[in-house]
N, C-alpha and C. Protein backbone atom coordinates (compact mmCIF):
# COMPACT_ATOMS: atom_id res chain seq x y z
N MET A 1 21.66 12.62 13.80
CA MET A 1 21.87 13.54 12.22
C MET A 1 20.90 14.71 11.79
N PRO A 2 21.27 15.88 11.86
CA PRO A 2 20.26 16.81 11.30
C PRO A 2 19.69 16.43 10.21
N ALA A 3 18.01 17.00 10.16
CA ALA A 3 16.91 16.58 9.04
C ALA A 3 16.81 17.80 8.20
N LYS A 4 16.86 18.46 7.23
CA LYS A 4 15.88 19.75 6.42
C LYS A 4 14.22 19.21 6.42
N VAL A 5 13.93 20.00 6.97
CA VAL A 5 12.05 19.90 6.57
C VAL A 5 11.82 21.15 5.81
N GLY A 6 10.59 20.94 3.99
CA GLY A 6 10.37 21.46 4.33
C GLY A 6 8.61 21.70 4.22
N ALA A 7 8.04 22.57 3.78
CA ALA A 7 6.58 22.80 4.18
C ALA A 7 6.11 21.20 4.71
N VAL A 8 5.68 21.72 6.19
CA VAL A 8 4.20 20.90 6.50
C VAL A 8 2.85 20.76 6.53
N LYS A 9 2.60 20.12 6.25
CA LYS A 9 0.69 20.41 6.19
C LYS A 9 -0.25 19.18 7.32
N VAL A 10 -0.72 19.43 8.43
CA VAL A 10 -1.09 18.46 9.53
C VAL A 10 -2.58 19.01 9.50
N VAL A 11 -3.44 18.21 8.76
CA VAL A 11 -4.70 17.61 8.42
C VAL A 11 -5.55 17.33 9.71
N ALA A 12 -5.07 15.98 10.52
CA ALA A 12 -5.79 16.13 11.75
C ALA A 12 -4.70 14.93 12.52
N ILE A 13 -4.65 15.16 13.86
CA ILE A 13 -4.27 14.72 14.99
C ILE A 13 -5.64 13.89 15.45
N SER A 14 -5.59 12.77 16.20
CA SER A 14 -6.00 11.90 16.92
C SER A 14 -5.45 11.59 18.53
N SER A 15 -5.93 10.92 19.73
CA SER A 15 -5.58 11.11 20.36
C SER A 15 -4.46 10.00 20.23
N SER A 16 -4.35 9.08 19.35
CA SER A 16 -3.39 7.96 19.49
C SER A 16 -2.24 8.55 18.18
N SER A 17 -2.32 9.70 17.89
CA SER A 17 -1.73 10.40 16.72
C SER A 17 -0.05 10.93 17.72
N ILE A 18 0.75 10.75 16.40
CA ILE A 18 2.60 11.50 16.70
C ILE A 18 2.61 12.31 15.66
N PHE A 19 2.88 13.63 16.18
CA PHE A 19 3.29 14.45 14.82
C PHE A 19 4.78 15.02 15.23
N ASN A 20 5.84 14.46 14.95
CA ASN A 20 7.59 14.89 15.13
C ASN A 20 7.99 15.49 13.88
N ILE A 21 8.51 16.14 14.25
CA ILE A 21 9.33 16.86 12.60
C ILE A 21 11.06 16.87 13.66
N GLY A 22 11.60 16.17 12.88
CA GLY A 22 13.40 16.02 13.26
C GLY A 22 13.45 14.25 13.26
N ASP A 23 15.15 14.56 14.33
CA ASP A 23 15.23 13.10 14.89
C ASP A 23 14.48 12.24 15.65
N VAL A 24 14.34 11.28 15.72
CA VAL A 24 13.59 10.19 16.42
C VAL A 24 14.02 9.30 16.93
N TYR A 25 14.38 8.77 18.68
CA TYR A 25 14.75 7.49 18.15
C TYR A 25 13.89 6.49 18.54
N ASN A 26 13.04 6.94 19.03
CA ASN A 26 11.75 5.56 19.15
C ASN A 26 10.14 6.19 18.67
N MET A 27 9.01 6.38 17.92
CA MET A 27 8.04 6.44 18.45
C MET A 27 7.12 5.08 18.35
N SER A 28 5.99 5.56 19.06
CA SER A 28 5.10 4.55 19.36
C SER A 28 3.62 4.37 19.62
N PRO A 29 2.90 5.06 18.84
CA PRO A 29 1.54 5.42 19.31
C PRO A 29 0.60 3.84 19.75
N SER A 30 -0.21 4.31 20.65
CA SER A 30 -0.73 3.64 21.05
C SER A 30 -1.99 3.91 21.73
N ALA A 31 -3.28 3.23 21.37
CA ALA A 31 -4.44 2.99 21.49
C ALA A 31 -5.58 2.11 21.73
N MET A 32 -6.55 1.55 22.34
CA MET A 32 -7.46 0.85 22.66
C MET A 32 -9.42 1.44 21.61
N VAL A 33 -9.46 0.37 21.20
CA VAL A 33 -11.07 0.31 20.61
C VAL A 33 -11.92 -0.92 20.69
N LYS A 34 -12.95 -0.80 20.80
CA LYS A 34 -13.71 -1.82 20.80
C LYS A 34 -14.72 -1.62 20.09
N THR A 35 -14.68 -2.63 18.54
CA THR A 35 -15.76 -2.07 17.39
C THR A 35 -17.04 -3.19 17.72
N PHE A 36 -18.15 -2.77 17.29
CA PHE A 36 -19.66 -3.40 16.62
C PHE A 36 -20.00 -3.18 16.20
N ALA A 37 -20.34 -3.97 14.70
CA ALA A 37 -20.48 -3.43 13.74
C ALA A 37 -21.08 -4.99 13.26
N GLY A 38 -22.38 -4.84 12.59
CA GLY A 38 -23.55 -5.97 11.89
C GLY A 38 -23.10 -6.13 10.77
N GLY A 39 -23.46 -7.00 9.98
CA GLY A 39 -23.17 -7.74 8.78
C GLY A 39 -23.15 -6.58 7.53
N GLY A 40 -21.91 -7.00 6.55
CA GLY A 40 -21.66 -5.70 5.63
C GLY A 40 -21.28 -4.39 6.47
N SER A 41 -21.19 -4.63 7.40
CA SER A 41 -20.48 -3.15 7.78
C SER A 41 -18.65 -2.42 7.13
N PHE A 42 -18.12 -3.87 7.12
CA PHE A 42 -16.55 -3.36 6.59
C PHE A 42 -16.47 -3.80 5.17
N ASN A 43 -17.53 -4.01 4.29
CA ASN A 43 -16.85 -4.35 2.88
C ASN A 43 -16.09 -3.20 1.76
N THR A 44 -15.53 -3.43 1.26
CA THR A 44 -14.70 -2.59 0.16
C THR A 44 -14.85 -2.74 -1.06
N GLY A 45 -14.59 -2.18 -1.98
CA GLY A 45 -14.86 -2.81 -2.98
C GLY A 45 -15.51 -2.22 -4.75
N ASN A 46 -15.63 -2.00 -5.51
CA ASN A 46 -16.56 -1.28 -6.18
C ASN A 46 -17.89 -2.16 -6.30
N GLY A 47 -18.72 -1.44 -6.66
CA GLY A 47 -19.83 -2.56 -7.27
C GLY A 47 -20.69 -3.49 -6.29
N ILE A 48 -20.40 -3.26 -4.75
CA ILE A 48 -20.96 -4.29 -4.04
C ILE A 48 -22.59 -3.74 -3.70
N ARG A 49 -22.65 -4.89 -4.11
CA ARG A 49 -24.54 -4.66 -3.45
C ARG A 49 -24.28 -5.49 -2.32
N ILE A 50 -25.16 -5.02 -1.70
CA ILE A 50 -25.64 -5.70 0.04
C ILE A 50 -26.80 -6.30 0.12
N ASN A 51 -28.04 -6.63 0.71
CA ASN A 51 -29.67 -6.83 1.02
C ASN A 51 -29.54 -7.45 2.20
N LEU A 52 -29.30 -6.83 3.54
CA LEU A 52 -29.40 -7.71 4.80
C LEU A 52 -30.85 -7.73 5.25
N ASN A 53 -31.85 -7.04 4.61
CA ASN A 53 -33.63 -6.94 5.08
C ASN A 53 -33.18 -6.00 6.46
N ASN A 54 -33.58 -6.73 7.32
CA ASN A 54 -33.43 -5.79 8.62
C ASN A 54 -32.02 -7.20 9.54
N SER A 55 -31.22 -5.92 10.10
CA SER A 55 -30.02 -6.65 10.05
C SER A 55 -30.03 -5.93 11.14
N THR A 56 -29.92 -6.96 12.20
CA THR A 56 -29.40 -6.16 14.00
C THR A 56 -28.27 -6.81 14.30
N THR A 57 -27.35 -5.93 15.53
CA THR A 57 -26.45 -6.51 16.11
C THR A 57 -26.60 -6.22 17.35
N TYR A 58 -26.50 -7.61 17.98
CA TYR A 58 -26.45 -7.61 19.25
C TYR A 58 -25.55 -7.65 20.14
N VAL A 59 -25.39 -6.78 21.14
CA VAL A 59 -23.41 -7.17 21.88
C VAL A 59 -24.23 -7.40 23.76
N ASN A 60 -23.96 -8.43 24.23
CA ASN A 60 -23.83 -8.75 25.24
C ASN A 60 -22.23 -8.80 25.80
N ASP A 61 -21.88 -7.81 26.63
CA ASP A 61 -20.49 -7.61 26.76
C ASP A 61 -20.62 -7.32 28.31
N ASN A 62 -20.17 -8.36 29.21
CA ASN A 62 -20.19 -8.22 30.56
C ASN A 62 -18.83 -7.58 31.19
N GLU A 63 -18.26 -7.62 30.33
CA GLU A 63 -16.77 -7.34 31.26
C GLU A 63 -16.26 -5.69 30.97
N ALA A 64 -16.84 -4.97 32.54
CA ALA A 64 -16.23 -3.47 31.93
C ALA A 64 -15.00 -3.35 31.73
N ILE A 65 -13.93 -4.72 31.60
CA ILE A 65 -12.60 -3.51 31.69
C ILE A 65 -12.08 -5.23 30.21
N ASP A 66 -11.75 -5.38 29.40
CA ASP A 66 -11.14 -5.80 28.72
C ASP A 66 -9.70 -6.23 28.93
N GLN A 67 -8.80 -5.52 28.60
CA GLN A 67 -7.54 -5.52 28.83
C GLN A 67 -7.12 -4.49 29.93
N SER A 68 -5.45 -4.54 30.42
CA SER A 68 -5.59 -3.05 30.96
C SER A 68 -4.81 -2.25 29.75
N PHE A 69 -4.33 -1.26 30.48
CA PHE A 69 -3.73 -0.24 29.22
C PHE A 69 -2.81 0.71 30.11
N ILE A 70 -1.64 0.53 29.82
CA ILE A 70 -0.73 1.58 30.80
C ILE A 70 -0.19 2.43 29.18
N ASN A 71 -0.47 3.81 29.23
CA ASN A 71 0.39 4.78 28.58
C ASN A 71 1.78 5.12 29.17
N SER A 72 2.88 4.63 28.51
CA SER A 72 4.21 5.23 29.04
C SER A 72 4.99 6.11 28.27
């Protein structure tokens, strides 16, 4: 089915992004990320107070590859 598209503004496209205008059958972005964060790193909300004094995150990851990734 044809699509009519007006103005398009692209702010950013990263490595796992998909940008398409028009008819699409299947879109499947894929990415792998490993995140290490200390206490209070992912807190969200209004008026949050965090007192961690000296916070340290120790990471011991002996695996070179955690899971295979095939981009098709």
